[in-house]
C-alpha cells in the first residue's frame, strides 16, 4: 500500500512539472543506481518509477552524492532540485552529511525531502527524520 502511494505521489509531481523539465530516477537501498536517465518523457519516467524496488538498507547520503554528480554531468537547466523520498534511517552510506552539505552549497542544488516513517516513535525513526531535516534545511 505504501509503495503505491509513493509511486502515485512521484507521478503526480512529474505530471505537475513543466513539460520541458528534465527528470531522472535514482533508486537507493544498500546500493545506489540510476533507474531512469535524464529525460522529459513522462512515459519513460512512469515506467521507471513502476520498476523501483525498496529492498535492503538505506544509503540516502550516498544517493544524494550520486544524484549531485549526475546533475553536474547531465543537467542542462540552471536550476537544480533533488526530491529525496526515504522510508528509513540511513544505515548504509559511506558519504557524511557534512560532505553532502558542502556539495549542495557548491552546486546550489535545492533538496526537498519526503520521509515515510509512519507514526513509529522509535529512535531509528527519530534519527531518520532528523537526518532528512538536516539534509533539507538549507
Protein backbone atom coordinates (compact mmCIF):
# COMPACT_ATOMS: atom_id res chain seq x y z
CA UNK A 1 0.00 0.00 0.00
CA UNK A 2 2.76 2.45 0.93
CA UNK A 3 4.67 1.72 -2.26
CA UNK A 4 1.64 2.51 -4.44
CA UNK A 5 1.15 5.81 -2.60
CA UNK A 6 4.80 6.74 -3.14
CA UNK A 7 4.56 5.88 -6.85
CA UNK A 8 1.35 7.91 -7.18
CA UNK A 9 2.93 10.91 -5.43
CA UNK A 10 6.05 10.76 -7.62
CA UNK A 11 3.96 10.53 -10.77
CA UNK A 12 1.78 13.44 -9.66
CA UNK A 13 4.92 15.51 -9.06
CA UNK A 14 6.24 14.69 -12.53
CA UNK A 15 2.93 15.39 -14.27
CA UNK A 16 2.62 18.75 -12.48
CA UNK A 17 6.12 19.80 -13.55
CA UNK A 18 6.94 21.89 -16.57
CA UNK A 19 6.93 19.55 -19.62
CA UNK A 20 10.40 20.82 -20.50
CA UNK A 21 11.85 19.90 -17.09
CA UNK A 22 14.45 17.19 -17.04
CA UNK A 23 13.90 14.40 -14.53
CA UNK A 24 15.79 11.27 -13.61
CA UNK A 25 15.00 8.46 -11.19
CA UNK A 26 17.65 7.21 -8.83
CA UNK A 27 16.92 4.19 -6.64
CA UNK A 28 18.74 3.55 -3.40
CA UNK A 29 18.79 0.80 -0.86
CA UNK A 30 22.15 -0.72 0.11
CA UNK A 31 23.42 0.39 -3.31
CA UNK A 32 22.61 3.39 -5.50
CA UNK A 33 21.66 3.15 -9.16
CA UNK A 34 20.13 5.34 -11.86
CA UNK A 35 16.86 3.64 -12.88
CA UNK A 36 15.82 6.25 -15.46
CA UNK A 37 18.41 8.54 -17.09
CA UNK A 38 17.64 12.25 -17.51
CA UNK A 39 14.54 12.70 -19.67
CA UNK A 40 11.48 14.88 -20.26
CA UNK A 41 9.41 11.89 -21.44
CA UNK A 42 6.72 11.18 -18.85
CA UNK A 43 6.03 7.70 -20.27
CA UNK A 44 9.63 6.68 -19.70
CA UNK A 45 9.52 8.12 -16.18
CA UNK A 46 6.23 6.36 -15.37
CA UNK A 47 7.64 3.02 -16.48
CA UNK A 48 10.82 3.59 -14.49
CA UNK A 49 9.03 4.57 -11.30
CA UNK A 50 6.96 1.39 -11.57
CA UNK A 51 10.19 -0.67 -11.53
CA UNK A 52 11.68 0.88 -8.38
CA UNK A 53 12.16 -1.56 -5.54
CA UNK A 54 12.54 -0.92 -1.83
CA UNK A 55 14.57 -3.86 -0.60
CA UNK A 56 17.61 -3.63 1.64
CA UNK A 57 19.23 -0.95 3.75
CA UNK A 58 19.14 2.80 3.29
CA UNK A 59 22.06 4.63 1.66
CA UNK A 60 20.38 8.03 1.44
CA UNK A 61 23.52 10.17 1.69
CA UNK A 62 25.26 8.07 -0.96
CA UNK A 63 22.19 8.54 -3.16
CA UNK A 64 22.29 12.32 -2.77
CA UNK A 65 26.01 12.28 -3.56
CA UNK A 66 25.46 10.26 -6.75
CA UNK A 67 22.48 12.45 -7.70
CA UNK A 68 24.52 15.64 -7.31
CA UNK A 69 27.28 14.23 -9.53
CA UNK A 70 24.71 13.08 -12.09
CA UNK A 71 23.13 16.54 -12.16
CA UNK A 72 26.52 18.18 -12.74
CA UNK A 73 27.24 15.84 -15.65
CA UNK A 74 23.83 15.65 -17.34
CA UNK A 75 21.51 18.53 -16.43
CA UNK A 76 21.16 21.32 -18.98
CA UNK A 77 18.99 23.67 -16.90
CA UNK A 78 20.44 26.19 -14.44
CA UNK A 79 18.05 25.46 -11.58
CA UNK A 80 18.55 22.07 -9.98
CA UNK A 81 16.28 20.37 -7.46
CA UNK A 82 16.53 16.98 -5.78
CA UNK A 83 13.46 15.32 -4.32
CA UNK A 84 14.52 12.64 -1.85
CA UNK A 85 11.91 10.09 -0.76
CA UNK A 86 13.01 7.74 2.00
CA UNK A 87 11.42 5.36 4.46
CA UNK A 88 14.31 4.78 6.81
CA UNK A 89 17.30 5.95 8.74
CA UNK A 90 20.50 5.97 6.69
CA UNK A 91 22.36 2.82 7.68
CA UNK A 92 24.49 2.07 4.63
CA UNK A 93 26.16 5.27 3.34
CA UNK A 94 29.85 5.98 3.09
CA UNK A 95 29.31 9.72 2.49
CA UNK A 96 28.84 12.00 5.51
CA UNK A 97 26.13 14.61 5.97
CA UNK A 98 28.83 17.31 6.07
CA UNK A 99 30.10 16.23 2.64
CA UNK A 100 26.54 16.42 1.27
CA UNK A 101 26.06 19.95 2.66
CA UNK A 102 29.31 21.20 1.12
CA UNK A 103 28.48 19.66 -2.23
CA UNK A 104 24.96 21.14 -2.25
CA UNK A 105 26.31 24.60 -1.43
CA UNK A 106 28.80 24.46 -4.31
CA UNK A 107 26.18 23.30 -6.79
CA UNK A 108 23.34 25.46 -5.45
CA UNK A 109 21.03 22.46 -5.64
CA UNK A 110 17.81 22.70 -3.65
CA UNK A 111 17.00 19.50 -1.78
CA UNK A 112 13.45 18.59 -0.74
CA UNK A 113 12.69 15.54 1.35
CA UNK A 114 9.72 13.28 1.92
CA UNK A 115 10.04 10.96 4.90
CA UNK A 116 7.78 7.93 5.02
CA UNK A 117 8.40 6.98 8.61
CA UNK A 118 4.85 6.30 9.78
CA UNK A 119 3.74 7.00 13.33
CA UNK A 120 6.51 4.94 14.87
CA UNK A 121 8.40 6.93 17.53
CA UNK A 122 11.42 4.64 17.72
CA UNK A 123 14.93 6.05 18.00
CA UNK A 124 15.68 4.89 14.42
CA UNK A 125 12.63 6.74 13.11
CA UNK A 126 13.58 9.89 15.02
CA UNK A 127 17.15 9.65 13.70
CA UNK A 128 15.87 9.23 10.13
CA UNK A 129 13.58 12.23 10.42
CA UNK A 130 16.36 14.32 11.98
CA UNK A 131 18.82 13.46 9.21
CA UNK A 132 16.28 14.20 6.48
CA UNK A 133 15.56 17.55 8.15
CA UNK A 134 19.29 18.33 8.24
CA UNK A 135 19.64 17.36 4.61
CA UNK A 136 16.89 19.74 3.52
CA UNK A 137 17.38 22.64 5.95
CA UNK A 138 19.46 24.73 3.57
